[in-house]
Amino acid sequence: MPLSVLDIMDLHSGKDLKGLLGALEWESEVASNRDPAVRGEAAGALGKMGDRRAVGPLARALDRDPDLMVRARVAWALGELGDPRAREPLMEALEWAGIGPIFDEVIAALGKLDSTER
């Protein structure tokens, strides 16, 4: 059954990391979520939750999600997590992001990482 934005809010309030990571998934045949708005909301919730176990899945979504706005939200989430492991995928994103919302979020995320690493 597809998830909704309200479902994401419930997963976030319940601190359900596994559920939010599943909502970020779009590739597999069993993916419950093909709606980019819900995937973007899941990425945002993961960033707000602050659980650094989300860095790997978020980095994959930054590189592979077919929706550019989801990728922008993922970049924001990586910056919110403040984990140095996010630096490499964010730097790689600069190569393809172009000018626009993804580029802006990647630059902002890198700035947050710089401020947390000092």
PDB file of N, CA and C in Angstrom:
ATOM      1  N   MET A   1       0.841  -1.179   0.000  1.00  0.00           N
ATOM      2  CA  MET A   1       0.000   0.000   0.000  1.00  0.00           C
ATOM      3  C   MET A   1       0.888   1.244   0.000  1.00  0.00           C
ATOM      4  N   PRO A   2       0.660   2.180  -0.918  1.00  0.00           N
ATOM      5  CA  PRO A   2       1.488   3.390  -0.986  1.00  0.00           C
ATOM      6  C   PRO A   2       1.365   4.236   0.282  1.00  0.00           C
ATOM      7  N   LEU A   3       2.469   4.866   0.617  1.00  0.00           N
ATOM      8  CA  LEU A   3       2.489   5.751   1.778  1.00  0.00           C
ATOM      9  C   LEU A   3       2.048   7.148   1.383  1.00  0.00           C
ATOM     10  N   SER A   4       1.591   7.894   2.383  1.00  0.00           N
ATOM     11  CA  SER A   4       1.217   9.287   2.172  1.00  0.00           C
ATOM     12  C   SER A   4       2.129  10.169   3.020  1.00  0.00           C
ATOM     13  N   VAL A   5       2.036  11.465   2.809  1.00  0.00           N
ATOM     14  CA  VAL A   5       2.818  12.399   3.625  1.00  0.00           C
ATOM     15  C   VAL A   5       2.425  12.259   5.096  1.00  0.00           C
ATOM     16  N   LEU A   6       1.148  12.006   5.375  1.00  0.00           N
ATOM     17  CA  LEU A   6       0.720  11.800   6.770  1.00  0.00           C
ATOM     18  C   LEU A   6       1.372  10.557   7.371  1.00  0.00           C
ATOM     19  N   ASP A   7       1.537   9.523   6.565  1.00  0.00           N
ATOM     20  CA  ASP A   7       2.236   8.331   7.045  1.00  0.00           C
ATOM     21  C   ASP A   7       3.672   8.676   7.427  1.00  0.00           C
ATOM     22  N   ILE A   8       4.305   9.517   6.628  1.00  0.00           N
ATOM     23  CA  ILE A   8       5.689   9.917   6.916  1.00  0.00           C
ATOM     24  C   ILE A   8       5.743  10.673   8.238  1.00  0.00           C
ATOM     25  N   MET A   9       4.776  11.527   8.462  1.00  0.00           N
ATOM     26  CA  MET A   9       4.728  12.269   9.731  1.00  0.00           C
ATOM     27  C   MET A   9       4.607  11.299  10.907  1.00  0.00           C
ATOM     28  N   ASP A  10       3.795  10.269  10.750  1.00  0.00           N
ATOM     29  CA  ASP A  10       3.655   9.260  11.811  1.00  0.00           C
ATOM     30  C   ASP A  10       4.959   8.506  12.023  1.00  0.00           C
ATOM     31  N   LEU A  11       5.620   8.120  10.928  1.00  0.00           N
ATOM     32  CA  LEU A  11       6.894   7.420  11.043  1.00  0.00           C
ATOM     33  C   LEU A  11       7.932   8.291  11.739  1.00  0.00           C
ATOM     34  N   HIS A  12       7.937   9.577  11.412  1.00  0.00           N
ATOM     35  CA  HIS A  12       8.897  10.499  12.029  1.00  0.00           C
ATOM     36  C   HIS A  12       8.607  10.663  13.512  1.00  0.00           C
ATOM     37  N   SER A  13       7.343  10.873  13.847  1.00  0.00           N
ATOM     38  CA  SER A  13       7.010  11.071  15.267  1.00  0.00           C
ATOM     39  C   SER A  13       7.298   9.814  16.078  1.00  0.00           C
ATOM     40  N   GLY A  14       7.216   8.645  15.442  1.00  0.00           N
ATOM     41  CA  GLY A  14       7.539   7.399  16.117  1.00  0.00           C
ATOM     42  C   GLY A  14       9.009   7.029  16.028  1.00  0.00           C
ATOM     43  N   LYS A  15       9.808   7.906  15.437  1.00  0.00           N
ATOM     44  CA  LYS A  15      11.249   7.679  15.259  1.00  0.00           C
ATOM     45  C   LYS A  15      11.517   6.320  14.599  1.00  0.00           C
ATOM     46  N   ASP A  16      10.723   6.024  13.574  1.00  0.00           N
ATOM     47  CA  ASP A  16      10.812   4.742  12.868  1.00  0.00           C
ATOM     48  C   ASP A  16      11.819   4.856  11.712  1.00  0.00           C
ATOM     49  N   LEU A  17      13.089   4.641  12.030  1.00  0.00           N
ATOM     50  CA  LEU A  17      14.149   4.757  11.030  1.00  0.00           C
ATOM     51  C   LEU A  17      13.919   3.798   9.871  1.00  0.00           C
ATOM     52  N   LYS A  18      13.619   2.559  10.193  1.00  0.00           N
ATOM     53  CA  LYS A  18      13.422   1.553   9.142  1.00  0.00           C
ATOM     54  C   LYS A  18      12.257   1.944   8.227  1.00  0.00           C
ATOM     55  N   GLY A  19      11.175   2.421   8.791  1.00  0.00           N
ATOM     56  CA  GLY A  19      10.028   2.832   7.987  1.00  0.00           C
ATOM     57  C   GLY A  19      10.346   4.016   7.090  1.00  0.00           C
ATOM     58  N   LEU A  20      11.086   4.990   7.613  1.00  0.00           N
ATOM     59  CA  LEU A  20      11.460   6.155   6.813  1.00  0.00           C
ATOM     60  C   LEU A  20      12.433   5.780   5.707  1.00  0.00           C
ATOM     61  N   LEU A  21      13.363   4.894   6.009  1.00  0.00           N
ATOM     62  CA  LEU A  21      14.290   4.443   4.967  1.00  0.00           C
ATOM     63  C   LEU A  21      13.538   3.690   3.876  1.00  0.00           C
ATOM     64  N   GLY A  22      12.549   2.917   4.257  1.00  0.00           N
ATOM     65  CA  GLY A  22      11.724   2.223   3.277  1.00  0.00           C
ATOM     66  C   GLY A  22      10.940   3.194   2.415  1.00  0.00           C
ATOM     67  N   ALA A  23      10.488   4.289   3.008  1.00  0.00           N
ATOM     68  CA  ALA A  23       9.733   5.299   2.264  1.00  0.00           C
ATOM     69  C   ALA A  23      10.618   6.046   1.273  1.00  0.00           C
ATOM     70  N   LEU A  24      11.904   6.074   1.542  1.00  0.00           N
ATOM     71  CA  LEU A  24      12.854   6.732   0.641  1.00  0.00           C
ATOM     72  C   LEU A  24      13.124   5.887  -0.603  1.00  0.00           C
ATOM     73  N   GLU A  25      12.847   4.603  -0.521  1.00  0.00           N
ATOM     74  CA  GLU A  25      13.131   3.641  -1.585  1.00  0.00           C
ATOM     75  C   GLU A  25      12.170   3.818  -2.757  1.00  0.00           C
ATOM     76  N   TRP A  26      12.684   3.772  -3.938  1.00  0.00           N
ATOM     77  CA  TRP A  26      11.849   3.867  -5.139  1.00  0.00           C
ATOM     78  C   TRP A  26      12.177   2.791  -6.165  1.00  0.00           C
ATOM     79  N   GLU A  27      13.316   2.123  -6.025  1.00  0.00           N
ATOM     80  CA  GLU A  27      13.824   1.239  -7.072  1.00  0.00           C
ATOM     81  C   GLU A  27      13.255  -0.166  -7.065  1.00  0.00           C
ATOM     82  N   SER A  28      13.084  -0.757  -5.914  1.00  0.00           N
ATOM     83  CA  SER A  28      12.740  -2.176  -5.868  1.00  0.00           C
ATOM     84  C   SER A  28      11.285  -2.419  -6.249  1.00  0.00           C
ATOM     85  N   GLU A  29      11.011  -3.646  -6.630  1.00  0.00           N
ATOM     86  CA  GLU A  29       9.646  -4.010  -6.995  1.00  0.00           C
ATOM     87  C   GLU A  29       8.715  -3.917  -5.804  1.00  0.00           C
ATOM     88  N   VAL A  30       9.251  -4.064  -4.616  1.00  0.00           N
ATOM     89  CA  VAL A  30       8.412  -4.010  -3.417  1.00  0.00           C
ATOM     90  C   VAL A  30       8.390  -2.614  -2.802  1.00  0.00           C
ATOM     91  N   ALA A  31       8.986  -1.663  -3.474  1.00  0.00           N
ATOM     92  CA  ALA A  31       9.002  -0.298  -2.941  1.00  0.00           C
ATOM     93  C   ALA A  31       7.575   0.185  -2.736  1.00  0.00           C
ATOM     94  N   SER A  32       7.316   0.662  -1.549  1.00  0.00           N
ATOM     95  CA  SER A  32       5.955   1.109  -1.236  1.00  0.00           C
ATOM     96  C   SER A  32       5.718   2.527  -1.712  1.00  0.00           C
ATOM     97  N   ASN A  33       6.768   3.152  -2.228  1.00  0.00           N
ATOM     98  CA  ASN A  33       6.612   4.544  -2.535  1.00  0.00           C
ATOM     99  C   ASN A  33       7.181   4.999  -3.850  1.00  0.00           C
ATOM    100  N   ARG A  34       6.306   5.340  -4.726  1.00  0.00           N
ATOM    101  CA  ARG A  34       6.729   5.881  -6.013  1.00  0.00           C
ATOM    102  C   ARG A  34       6.431   7.381  -6.100  1.00  0.00           C
ATOM    103  N   ASP A  35       5.860   7.947  -5.059  1.00  0.00           N
ATOM    104  CA  ASP A  35       5.474   9.355  -5.033  1.00  0.00           C
ATOM    105  C   ASP A  35       6.665  10.209  -4.574  1.00  0.00           C
ATOM    106  N   PRO A  36       7.170  11.075  -5.453  1.00  0.00           N
ATOM    107  CA  PRO A  36       8.335  11.877  -5.056  1.00  0.00           C
ATOM    108  C   PRO A  36       8.066  12.800  -3.872  1.00  0.00           C
ATOM    109  N   ALA A  37       6.836  13.273  -3.716  1.00  0.00           N
ATOM    110  CA  ALA A  37       6.538  14.144  -2.571  1.00  0.00           C
ATOM    111  C   ALA A  37       6.734  13.389  -1.264  1.00  0.00           C
ATOM    112  N   VAL A  38       6.346  12.140  -1.242  1.00  0.00           N
ATOM    113  CA  VAL A  38       6.496  11.333  -0.037  1.00  0.00           C
ATOM    114  C   VAL A  38       7.963  10.995   0.199  1.00  0.00           C
ATOM    115  N   ARG A  39       8.701  10.671  -0.875  1.00  0.00           N
ATOM    116  CA  ARG A  39      10.132  10.395  -0.713  1.00  0.00           C
ATOM    117  C   ARG A  39      10.871  11.633  -0.199  1.00  0.00           C
ATOM    118  N   GLY A  40      10.509  12.802  -0.715  1.00  0.00           N
ATOM    119  CA  GLY A  40      11.135  14.032  -0.242  1.00  0.00           C
ATOM    120  C   GLY A  40      10.818  14.295   1.216  1.00  0.00           C
ATOM    121  N   GLU A  41       9.586  14.030   1.603  1.00  0.00           N
ATOM    122  CA  GLU A  41       9.187  14.207   3.004  1.00  0.00           C
ATOM    123  C   GLU A  41       9.947  13.218   3.895  1.00  0.00           C
ATOM    124  N   ALA A  42      10.127  11.988   3.405  1.00  0.00           N
ATOM    125  CA  ALA A  42      10.882  10.993   4.171  1.00  0.00           C
ATOM    126  C   ALA A  42      12.330  11.449   4.350  1.00  0.00           C
ATOM    127  N   ALA A  43      12.930  11.991   3.301  1.00  0.00           N
ATOM    128  CA  ALA A  43      14.306  12.493   3.401  1.00  0.00           C
ATOM    129  C   ALA A  43      14.387  13.605   4.435  1.00  0.00           C
ATOM    130  N   GLY A  44      13.439  14.523   4.387  1.00  0.00           N
ATOM    131  CA  GLY A  44      13.427  15.606   5.368  1.00  0.00           C
ATOM    132  C   GLY A  44      13.287  15.092   6.791  1.00  0.00           C
ATOM    133  N   ALA A  45      12.418  14.103   6.975  1.00  0.00           N
ATOM    134  CA  ALA A  45      12.219  13.532   8.308  1.00  0.00           C
ATOM    135  C   ALA A  45      13.492  12.844   8.798  1.00  0.00           C
ATOM    136  N   LEU A  46      14.192  12.182   7.891  1.00  0.00           N
ATOM    137  CA  LEU A  46      15.456  11.541   8.269  1.00  0.00           C
ATOM    138  C   LEU A  46      16.487  12.581   8.705  1.00  0.00           C
ATOM    139  N   GLY A  47      16.538  13.703   8.004  1.00  0.00           N
ATOM    140  CA  GLY A  47      17.456  14.762   8.406  1.00  0.00           C
ATOM    141  C   GLY A  47      17.104  15.332   9.766  1.00  0.00           C
ATOM    142  N   LYS A  48      15.813  15.537   9.999  1.00  0.00           N
ATOM    143  CA  LYS A  48      15.368  16.076  11.292  1.00  0.00           C
ATOM    144  C   LYS A  48      15.592  15.083  12.428  1.00  0.00           C
ATOM    145  N   MET A  49      15.451  13.793  12.122  1.00  0.00           N
ATOM    146  CA  MET A  49      15.611  12.771  13.148  1.00  0.00           C
ATOM    147  C   MET A  49      17.036  12.737  13.667  1.00  0.00           C
ATOM    148  N   GLY A  50      18.011  12.976  12.773  1.00  0.00           N
ATOM    149  CA  GLY A  50      19.396  13.068  13.206  1.00  0.00           C
ATOM    150  C   GLY A  50      20.103  11.740  13.396  1.00  0.00           C
ATOM    151  N   ASP A  51      19.525  10.662  12.948  1.00  0.00           N
ATOM    152  CA  ASP A  51      20.150   9.342  13.093  1.00  0.00           C
ATOM    153  C   ASP A  51      21.143   9.142  11.952  1.00  0.00           C
ATOM    154  N   ARG A  52      22.403   9.090  12.292  1.00  0.00           N
ATOM    155  CA  ARG A  52      23.458   9.029  11.282  1.00  0.00           C
ATOM    156  C   ARG A  52      23.492   7.711  10.510  1.00  0.00           C
ATOM    157  N   ARG A  53      22.716   6.731  10.930  1.00  0.00           N
ATOM    158  CA  ARG A  53      22.618   5.493  10.152  1.00  0.00           C
ATOM    159  C   ARG A  53      21.938   5.744   8.815  1.00  0.00           C
ATOM    160  N   ALA A  54      21.319   6.896   8.660  1.00  0.00           N
ATOM    161  CA  ALA A  54      20.633   7.238   7.415  1.00  0.00           C
ATOM    162  C   ALA A  54      21.587   7.780   6.345  1.00  0.00           C
ATOM    163  N   VAL A  55      22.837   8.041   6.688  1.00  0.00           N
ATOM    164  CA  VAL A  55      23.764   8.663   5.729  1.00  0.00           C
ATOM    165  C   VAL A  55      23.907   7.832   4.456  1.00  0.00           C
ATOM    166  N   GLY A  56      24.149   6.540   4.568  1.00  0.00           N
ATOM    167  CA  GLY A  56      24.344   5.687   3.390  1.00  0.00           C
ATOM    168  C   GLY A  56      23.127   5.676   2.466  1.00  0.00           C
ATOM    169  N   PRO A  57      21.938   5.381   2.992  1.00  0.00           N
ATOM    170  CA  PRO A  57      20.749   5.405   2.136  1.00  0.00           C
ATOM    171  C   PRO A  57      20.467   6.783   1.533  1.00  0.00           C
ATOM    172  N   LEU A  58      20.698   7.835   2.297  1.00  0.00           N
ATOM    173  CA  LEU A  58      20.500   9.181   1.756  1.00  0.00           C
ATOM    174  C   LEU A  58      21.510   9.468   0.646  1.00  0.00           C
ATOM    175  N   ALA A  59      22.763   9.051   0.838  1.00  0.00           N
ATOM    176  CA  ALA A  59      23.784   9.267  -0.198  1.00  0.00           C
ATOM    177  C   ALA A  59      23.401   8.549  -1.485  1.00  0.00           C
ATOM    178  N   ARG A  60      22.867   7.325  -1.373  1.00  0.00           N
ATOM    179  CA  ARG A  60      22.417   6.608  -2.570  1.00  0.00           C
ATOM    180  C   ARG A  60      21.261   7.341  -3.243  1.00  0.00           C
ATOM    181  N   ALA A  61      20.334   7.857  -2.445  1.00  0.00           N
ATOM    182  CA  ALA A  61      19.206   8.594  -3.013  1.00  0.00           C
ATOM    183  C   ALA A  61      19.674   9.880  -3.686  1.00  0.00           C
ATOM    184  N   LEU A  62      20.674  10.533  -3.113  1.00  0.00           N
ATOM    185  CA  LEU A  62      21.210  11.747  -3.727  1.00  0.00           C
ATOM    186  C   LEU A  62      21.754  11.447  -5.116  1.00  0.00           C
ATOM    187  N   ASP A  63      22.362  10.315  -5.265  1.00  0.00           N
ATOM    188  CA  ASP A  63      22.972   9.930  -6.534  1.00  0.00           C
ATOM    189  C   ASP A  63      21.964   9.354  -7.534  1.00  0.00           C
ATOM    190  N   ARG A  64      20.914   8.691  -7.038  1.00  0.00           N
ATOM    191  CA  ARG A  64      20.095   7.875  -7.929  1.00  0.00           C
ATOM    192  C   ARG A  64      18.625   8.230  -8.039  1.00  0.00           C
ATOM    193  N   ASP A  65      18.076   8.965  -7.103  1.00  0.00           N
ATOM    194  CA  ASP A  65      16.633   9.212  -7.186  1.00  0.00           C
ATOM    195  C   ASP A  65      16.308   9.926  -8.498  1.00  0.00           C
ATOM    196  N   PRO A  66      15.253   9.487  -9.192  1.00  0.00           N
ATOM    197  CA  PRO A  66      14.930  10.093 -10.484  1.00  0.00           C
ATOM    198  C   PRO A  66      14.333  11.497 -10.388  1.00  0.00           C
ATOM    199  N   ASP A  67      13.914  11.912  -9.206  1.00  0.00           N
ATOM    200  CA  ASP A  67      13.273  13.213  -9.050  1.00  0.00           C
ATOM    201  C   ASP A  67      14.266  14.232  -8.480  1.00  0.00           C
ATOM    202  N   LEU A  68      14.453  15.327  -9.184  1.00  0.00           N
ATOM    203  CA  LEU A  68      15.448  16.326  -8.763  1.00  0.00           C
ATOM    204  C   LEU A  68      15.089  17.011  -7.455  1.00  0.00           C
ATOM    205  N   MET A  69      13.807  17.216  -7.194  1.00  0.00           N
ATOM    206  CA  MET A  69      13.428  17.862  -5.939  1.00  0.00           C
ATOM    207  C   MET A  69      13.662  16.927  -4.749  1.00  0.00           C
ATOM    208  N   VAL A  70      13.487  15.627  -4.962  1.00  0.00           N
ATOM    209  CA  VAL A  70      13.824  14.673  -3.905  1.00  0.00           C
ATOM    210  C   VAL A  70      15.319  14.752  -3.629  1.00  0.00           C
ATOM    211  N   ARG A  71      16.114  14.814  -4.676  1.00  0.00           N
ATOM    212  CA  ARG A  71      17.560  14.910  -4.493  1.00  0.00           C
ATOM    213  C   ARG A  71      17.937  16.179  -3.721  1.00  0.00           C
ATOM    214  N   ALA A  72      17.266  17.277  -3.986  1.00  0.00           N
ATOM    215  CA  ALA A  72      17.534  18.511  -3.248  1.00  0.00           C
ATOM    216  C   ALA A  72      17.207  18.334  -1.768  1.00  0.00           C
ATOM    217  N   ARG A  73      16.095  17.688  -1.477  1.00  0.00           N
ATOM    218  CA  ARG A  73      15.697  17.451  -0.084  1.00  0.00           C
ATOM    219  C   ARG A  73      16.685  16.500   0.604  1.00  0.00           C
ATOM    220  N   VAL A  74      17.176  15.528  -0.150  1.00  0.00           N
ATOM    221  CA  VAL A  74      18.166  14.588   0.376  1.00  0.00           C
ATOM    222  C   VAL A  74      19.457  15.335   0.729  1.00  0.00           C
ATOM    223  N   ALA A  75      19.888  16.244  -0.131  1.00  0.00           N
ATOM    224  CA  ALA A  75      21.094  17.032   0.153  1.00  0.00           C
ATOM    225  C   ALA A  75      20.914  17.813   1.450  1.00  0.00           C
ATOM    226  N   TRP A  76      19.739  18.418   1.609  1.00  0.00           N
ATOM    227  CA  TRP A  76      19.441  19.148   2.845  1.00  0.00           C
ATOM    228  C   TRP A  76      19.564  18.212   4.046  1.00  0.00           C
ATOM    229  N   ALA A  77      18.969  17.027   3.930  1.00  0.00           N
ATOM    230  CA  ALA A  77      18.980  16.068   5.038  1.00  0.00           C
ATOM    231  C   ALA A  77      20.403  15.662   5.401  1.00  0.00           C
ATOM    232  N   LEU A  78      21.236  15.440   4.404  1.00  0.00           N
ATOM    233  CA  LEU A  78      22.631  15.087   4.676  1.00  0.00           C
ATOM    234  C   LEU A  78      23.342  16.199   5.438  1.00  0.00           C
ATOM    235  N   GLY A  79      23.053  17.432   5.093  1.00  0.00           N
ATOM    236  CA  GLY A  79      23.638  18.548   5.838  1.00  0.00           C
ATOM    237  C   GLY A  79      23.153  18.584   7.271  1.00  0.00           C
ATOM    238  N   GLU A  80      21.884  18.295   7.472  1.00  0.00           N
ATOM    239  CA  GLU A  80      21.327  18.295   8.827  1.00  0.00           C
ATOM    240  C   GLU A  80      21.967  17.222   9.697  1.00  0.00           C
ATOM    241  N   LEU A  81      22.297  16.086   9.113  1.00  0.00           N
ATOM    242  CA  LEU A  81      22.900  15.008   9.894  1.00  0.00           C
ATOM    243  C   LEU A  81      24.295  15.369  10.375  1.00  0.00           C
ATOM    244  N   GLY A  82      25.005  16.206   9.604  1.00  0.00           N
ATOM    245  CA  GLY A  82      26.315  16.676  10.043  1.00  0.00           C
ATOM    246  C   GLY A  82      27.382  15.605  10.129  1.00  0.00           C
ATOM    247  N   ASP A  83      27.207  14.525   9.402  1.00  0.00           N
ATOM    248  CA  ASP A  83      28.157  13.421   9.449  1.00  0.00           C
ATOM    249  C   ASP A  83      29.214  13.617   8.359  1.00  0.00           C
ATOM    250  N   PRO A  84      30.491  13.546   8.697  1.00  0.00           N
ATOM    251  CA  PRO A  84      31.545  13.747   7.697  1.00  0.00           C
ATOM    252  C   PRO A  84      31.477  12.772   6.516  1.00  0.00           C
ATOM    253  N   ARG A  85      30.851  11.610   6.703  1.00  0.00           N
ATOM    254  CA  ARG A  85      30.721  10.657   5.596  1.00  0.00           C
ATOM    255  C   ARG A  85      29.857  11.210   4.466  1.00  0.00           C
ATOM    256  N   ALA A  86      29.097  12.256   4.730  1.00  0.00           N
ATOM    257  CA  ALA A  86      28.249  12.858   3.698  1.00  0.00           C
ATOM    258  C   ALA A  86      29.043  13.745   2.744  1.00  0.00           C
ATOM    259  N   ARG A  87      30.248  14.126   3.141  1.00  0.00           N
ATOM    260  CA  ARG A  87      31.036  15.058   2.316  1.00  0.00           C
ATOM    261  C   ARG A  87      31.287  14.522   0.908  1.00  0.00           C
ATOM    262  N   GLU A  88      31.739  13.281   0.788  1.00  0.00           N
ATOM    263  CA  GLU A  88      32.079  12.740  -0.528  1.00  0.00           C
ATOM    264  C   GLU A  88      30.872  12.700  -1.475  1.00  0.00           C
ATOM    265  N   PRO A  89      29.717  12.146  -1.060  1.00  0.00           N
ATOM    266  CA  PRO A  89      28.581  12.155  -1.992  1.00  0.00           C
ATOM    267  C   PRO A  89      28.104  13.567  -2.328  1.00  0.00           C
ATOM    268  N   LEU A  90      28.210  14.484  -1.387  1.00  0.00           N
ATOM    269  CA  LEU A  90      27.821  15.864  -1.678  1.00  0.00           C
ATOM    270  C   LEU A  90      28.785  16.500  -2.675  1.00  0.00           C
ATOM    271  N   MET A  91      30.078  16.253  -2.514  1.00  0.00           N
ATOM    272  CA  MET A  91      31.054  16.791  -3.464  1.00  0.00           C
ATOM    273  C   MET A  91      30.830  16.204  -4.859  1.00  0.00           C
ATOM    274  N   GLU A  92      30.521  14.919  -4.930  1.00  0.00           N
ATOM    275  CA  GLU A  92      30.233  14.291  -6.224  1.00  0.00           C
ATOM    276  C   GLU A  92      28.989  14.905  -6.856  1.00  0.00           C
ATOM    277  N   ALA A  93      28.024  15.266  -6.039  1.00  0.00           N
ATOM    278  CA  ALA A  93      26.792  15.870  -6.563  1.00  0.00           C
ATOM    279  C   ALA A  93      27.065  17.219  -7.223  1.00  0.00           C
ATOM    280  N   LEU A  94      28.094  17.918  -6.783  1.00  0.00           N
ATOM    281  CA  LEU A  94      28.429  19.201  -7.408  1.00  0.00           C
ATOM    282  C   LEU A  94      28.760  19.031  -8.886  1.00  0.00           C
ATOM    283  N   GLU A  95      29.246  17.846  -9.251  1.00  0.00           N
ATOM    284  CA  GLU A  95      29.628  17.600 -10.638  1.00  0.00           C
ATOM    285  C   GLU A  95      28.427  17.532 -11.577  1.00  0.00           C
ATOM    286  N   TRP A  96      27.270  17.094 -11.081  1.00  0.00           N
ATOM    287  CA  TRP A  96      26.110  16.939 -11.958  1.00  0.00           C
ATOM    288  C   TRP A  96      24.944  17.849 -11.587  1.00  0.00           C
ATOM    289  N   ALA A  97      25.020  18.521 -10.457  1.00  0.00           N
ATOM    290  CA  ALA A  97      23.859  19.260  -9.955  1.00  0.00           C
ATOM    291  C   ALA A  97      23.476  20.456 -10.823  1.00  0.00           C
ATOM    292  N   GLY A  98      24.437  21.094 -11.475  1.00  0.00           N
ATOM    293  CA  GLY A  98      24.100  22.291 -12.234  1.00  0.00           C
ATOM    294  C   GLY A  98      23.654  23.408 -11.300  1.00  0.00           C
ATOM    295  N   ILE A  99      23.141  24.461 -11.885  1.00  0.00           N
ATOM    296  CA  ILE A  99      22.647  25.579 -11.089  1.00  0.00           C
ATOM    297  C   ILE A  99      21.166  25.327 -10.810  1.00  0.00           C
ATOM    298  N   GLY A 100      20.766  25.523  -9.585  1.00  0.00           N
ATOM    299  CA  GLY A 100      19.377  25.290  -9.232  1.00  0.00           C
ATOM    300  C   GLY A 100      19.247  24.772  -7.814  1.00  0.00           C
ATOM    301  N   PRO A 101      18.085  24.205  -7.502  1.00  0.00           N
ATOM    302  CA  PRO A 101      17.818  23.823  -6.114  1.00  0.00           C
ATOM    303  C   PRO A 101      18.759  22.749  -5.563  1.00  0.00           C
ATOM    304  N   ILE A 102      19.170  21.811  -6.385  1.00  0.00           N
ATOM    305  CA  ILE A 102      20.080  20.786  -5.868  1.00  0.00           C
ATOM    306  C   ILE A 102      21.430  21.410  -5.540  1.00  0.00           C
ATOM    307  N   PHE A 103      21.946  22.203  -6.452  1.00  0.00           N
ATOM    308  CA  PHE A 103      23.232  22.873  -6.231  1.00  0.00           C
ATOM    309  C   PHE A 103      23.165  23.708  -4.952  1.00  0.00           C
ATOM    310  N   ASP A 104      22.096  24.483  -4.799  1.00  0.00           N
ATOM    311  CA  ASP A 104      21.952  25.331  -3.614  1.00  0.00           C
ATOM    312  C   ASP A 104      21.953  24.503  -2.333  1.00  0.00           C
ATOM    313  N   GLU A 105      21.212  23.402  -2.330  1.00  0.00           N
ATOM    314  CA  GLU A 105      21.147  22.563  -1.127  1.00  0.00           C
ATOM    315  C   GLU A 105      22.468  21.858  -0.863  1.00  0.00           C
ATOM    316  N   VAL A 106      23.165  21.446  -1.915  1.00  0.00           N
ATOM    317  CA  VAL A 106      24.471  20.799  -1.737  1.00  0.00           C
ATOM    318  C   VAL A 106      25.458  21.782  -1.125  1.00  0.00           C
ATOM    319  N   ILE A 107      25.492  22.999  -1.629  1.00  0.00           N
ATOM    320  CA  ILE A 107      26.395  24.020  -1.077  1.00  0.00           C
ATOM    321  C   ILE A 107      26.056  24.295   0.387  1.00  0.00           C
ATOM    322  N   ALA A 108      24.775  24.428   0.688  1.00  0.00           N
ATOM    323  CA  ALA A 108      24.356  24.672   2.074  1.00  0.00           C
ATOM    324  C   ALA A 108      24.737  23.492   2.973  1.00  0.00           C
ATOM    325  N   ALA A 109      24.546  22.265   2.478  1.00  0.00           N
ATOM    326  CA  ALA A 109      24.881  21.082   3.274  1.00  0.00           C
ATOM    327  C   ALA A 109      26.385  21.023   3.545  1.00  0.00           C
ATOM    328  N   LEU A 110      27.180  21.306   2.526  1.00  0.00           N
ATOM    329  CA  LEU A 110      28.630  21.316   2.719  1.00  0.00           C
ATOM    330  C   LEU A 110      29.038  22.384   3.731  1.00  0.00           C
ATOM    331  N   GLY A 111      28.360  23.528   3.700  1.00  0.00           N
ATOM    332  CA  GLY A 111      28.626  24.571   4.687  1.00  0.00           C
ATOM    333  C   GLY A 111      28.309  24.111   6.103  1.00  0.00           C
ATOM    334  N   LYS A 112      27.213  23.373   6.252  1.00  0.00           N
ATOM    335  CA  LYS A 112      26.869  22.840   7.582  1.00  0.00           C
ATOM    336  C   LYS A 112      27.916  21.837   8.043  1.00  0.00           C
ATOM    337  N   LEU A 113      28.374  20.991   7.103  1.00  0.00           N
ATOM    338  CA  LEU A 113      29.406  20.021   7.472  1.00  0.00           C
ATOM    339  C   LEU A 113      30.676  20.732   7.908  1.00  0.00           C
ATOM    340  N   ASP A 114      31.048  21.786   7.173  1.00  0.00           N
ATOM    341  CA  ASP A 114      32.246  22.535   7.535  1.00  0.00           C
ATOM    342  C   ASP A 114      32.122  23.112   8.946  1.00  0.00           C
ATOM    343  N   SER A 115      30.948  23.616   9.292  1.00  0.00           N
ATOM    344  CA  SER A 115      30.779  24.234  10.599  1.00  0.00           C
ATOM    345  C   SER A 115      30.746  23.192  11.732  1.00  0.00           C
ATOM    346  N   THR A 116      30.297  21.975  11.431  1.00  0.00           N
ATOM    347  CA  THR A 116      30.267  20.943  12.479  1.00  0.00           C
ATOM    348  C   THR A 116      31.603  20.248  12.636  1.00  0.00           C
ATOM    349  N   GLU A 117      32.460  20.323  11.624  1.00  0.00           N
ATOM    350  CA  GLU A 117      33.756  19.651  11.692  1.00  0.00           C
ATOM    351  C   GLU A 117      34.822  20.517  12.363  1.00  0.00           C
ATOM    352  N   ARG A 118      34.516  21.745  12.639  1.00  0.00           N
ATOM    353  CA  ARG A 118      35.506  22.643  13.264  1.00  0.00           C
ATOM    354  C   ARG A 118      35.521  22.518  14.747  1.00  0.00           C
TER     355      ARG A 118
END
